[in-house]
Amino acid sequence: MPSFRVVGPGRAGRSLAVALSAVGWESVGLLGLDLDLYDPESTCS
């Protein structure tokens, strides 16, 4: 199953996550302003 992370969990980012999840992609996280983009463990949902 393909997976993805969204950078910017605002309205557009969350809509993208919902749309991709609906067609079989797995969301592995939403990255916000307070998260370290270089740390793979730094995600929120």
N, C-alpha and C. Protein backbone atom coordinates (compact mmCIF):
# COMPACT_ATOMS: atom_id res chain seq x y z
N MET A 1 0.85 -1.18 0.00
CA MET A 1 0.00 0.00 0.00
C MET A 1 0.90 1.24 0.00
N PRO A 2 0.67 2.18 -0.90
CA PRO A 2 1.46 3.42 -0.90
C PRO A 2 1.12 4.26 0.33
N SER A 3 2.10 5.03 0.78
CA SER A 3 1.87 5.89 1.94
C SER A 3 2.37 7.30 1.65
N PHE A 4 1.95 8.25 2.50
CA PHE A 4 2.31 9.65 2.31
C PHE A 4 2.26 10.39 3.63
N ARG A 5 2.91 11.55 3.67
CA ARG A 5 2.80 12.50 4.77
C ARG A 5 2.40 13.83 4.18
N VAL A 6 1.60 14.57 4.91
CA VAL A 6 1.16 15.88 4.46
C VAL A 6 1.92 16.95 5.25
N VAL A 7 2.56 17.87 4.55
CA VAL A 7 3.21 19.00 5.19
C VAL A 7 2.21 20.15 5.14
N GLY A 8 1.74 20.56 6.30
CA GLY A 8 0.75 21.62 6.39
C GLY A 8 -0.64 21.05 6.62
N PRO A 9 -0.97 20.72 7.87
CA PRO A 9 -2.26 20.08 8.15
C PRO A 9 -3.43 21.07 8.27
N GLY A 10 -3.46 22.05 7.40
CA GLY A 10 -4.59 22.98 7.36
C GLY A 10 -5.76 22.36 6.62
N ARG A 11 -6.67 23.19 6.16
CA ARG A 11 -7.85 22.67 5.45
C ARG A 11 -7.47 21.90 4.19
N ALA A 12 -6.58 22.45 3.41
CA ALA A 12 -6.18 21.78 2.16
C ALA A 12 -5.41 20.49 2.44
N GLY A 13 -4.49 20.53 3.39
CA GLY A 13 -3.71 19.34 3.72
C GLY A 13 -4.57 18.21 4.26
N ARG A 14 -5.51 18.55 5.13
CA ARG A 14 -6.39 17.52 5.67
C ARG A 14 -7.34 16.98 4.59
N SER A 15 -7.80 17.85 3.70
CA SER A 15 -8.65 17.39 2.60
C SER A 15 -7.89 16.45 1.68
N LEU A 16 -6.64 16.77 1.41
CA LEU A 16 -5.80 15.90 0.59
C LEU A 16 -5.62 14.54 1.27
N ALA A 17 -5.37 14.55 2.57
CA ALA A 17 -5.19 13.30 3.31
C ALA A 17 -6.46 12.44 3.26
N VAL A 18 -7.60 13.06 3.42
CA VAL A 18 -8.88 12.32 3.37
C VAL A 18 -9.10 11.75 1.97
N ALA A 19 -8.84 12.55 0.94
CA ALA A 19 -9.05 12.10 -0.43
C ALA A 19 -8.13 10.94 -0.80
N LEU A 20 -6.85 11.05 -0.45
CA LEU A 20 -5.92 9.97 -0.77
C LEU A 20 -6.23 8.71 0.04
N SER A 21 -6.63 8.87 1.28
CA SER A 21 -7.02 7.71 2.10
C SER A 21 -8.23 7.00 1.52
N ALA A 22 -9.14 7.76 0.93
CA ALA A 22 -10.36 7.18 0.35
C ALA A 22 -10.07 6.30 -0.86
N VAL A 23 -8.93 6.54 -1.52
CA VAL A 23 -8.59 5.73 -2.70
C VAL A 23 -7.46 4.73 -2.43
N GLY A 24 -7.20 4.45 -1.14
CA GLY A 24 -6.28 3.38 -0.81
C GLY A 24 -4.89 3.75 -0.33
N TRP A 25 -4.58 5.02 -0.23
CA TRP A 25 -3.28 5.42 0.28
C TRP A 25 -3.33 5.45 1.81
N GLU A 26 -2.18 5.24 2.45
CA GLU A 26 -2.09 5.26 3.90
C GLU A 26 -1.42 6.55 4.36
N SER A 27 -2.10 7.32 5.18
CA SER A 27 -1.53 8.54 5.75
C SER A 27 -0.67 8.16 6.94
N VAL A 28 0.61 8.53 6.91
CA VAL A 28 1.50 8.22 8.01
C VAL A 28 1.82 9.45 8.85
N GLY A 29 1.13 10.55 8.59
CA GLY A 29 1.31 11.71 9.44
C GLY A 29 1.03 13.03 8.78
N LEU A 30 0.71 13.99 9.62
CA LEU A 30 0.52 15.38 9.20
C LEU A 30 1.59 16.19 9.90
N LEU A 31 2.38 16.92 9.13
CA LEU A 31 3.48 17.70 9.69
C LEU A 31 3.08 19.15 9.81
N GLY A 32 3.14 19.68 11.03
CA GLY A 32 2.77 21.08 11.27
C GLY A 32 3.99 21.95 11.47
N LEU A 33 3.76 23.21 11.80
CA LEU A 33 4.84 24.17 11.97
C LEU A 33 5.76 23.84 13.14
N ASP A 34 5.23 23.21 14.17
CA ASP A 34 6.02 22.94 15.37
C ASP A 34 6.79 21.62 15.30
N LEU A 35 6.76 20.93 14.18
CA LEU A 35 7.42 19.64 14.06
C LEU A 35 8.70 19.75 13.25
N ASP A 36 9.65 18.91 13.59
CA ASP A 36 10.93 18.86 12.89
C ASP A 36 10.79 18.03 11.61
N LEU A 37 10.91 18.66 10.46
CA LEU A 37 10.73 17.97 9.18
C LEU A 37 11.82 16.93 8.92
N TYR A 38 12.95 17.03 9.60
CA TYR A 38 14.04 16.10 9.38
C TYR A 38 14.01 14.90 10.31
N ASP A 39 13.10 14.90 11.28
CA ASP A 39 12.97 13.79 12.24
C ASP A 39 11.81 12.91 11.81
N PRO A 40 12.05 11.70 11.31
CA PRO A 40 10.97 10.84 10.81
C PRO A 40 9.97 10.43 11.89
N GLU A 41 10.35 10.54 13.16
CA GLU A 41 9.45 10.19 14.26
C GLU A 41 8.58 11.38 14.68
N SER A 42 8.81 12.54 14.11
CA SER A 42 8.12 13.75 14.51
C SER A 42 6.87 13.97 13.65
N THR A 43 5.78 13.28 14.00
CA THR A 43 4.52 13.42 13.27
C THR A 43 3.36 13.53 14.24
N CYS A 44 2.27 14.05 13.76
CA CYS A 44 1.03 14.08 14.54
C CYS A 44 -0.09 13.62 13.65
N SER A 45 -1.24 13.32 14.21
CA SER A 45 -2.37 12.89 13.38
C SER A 45 -3.53 13.82 13.53
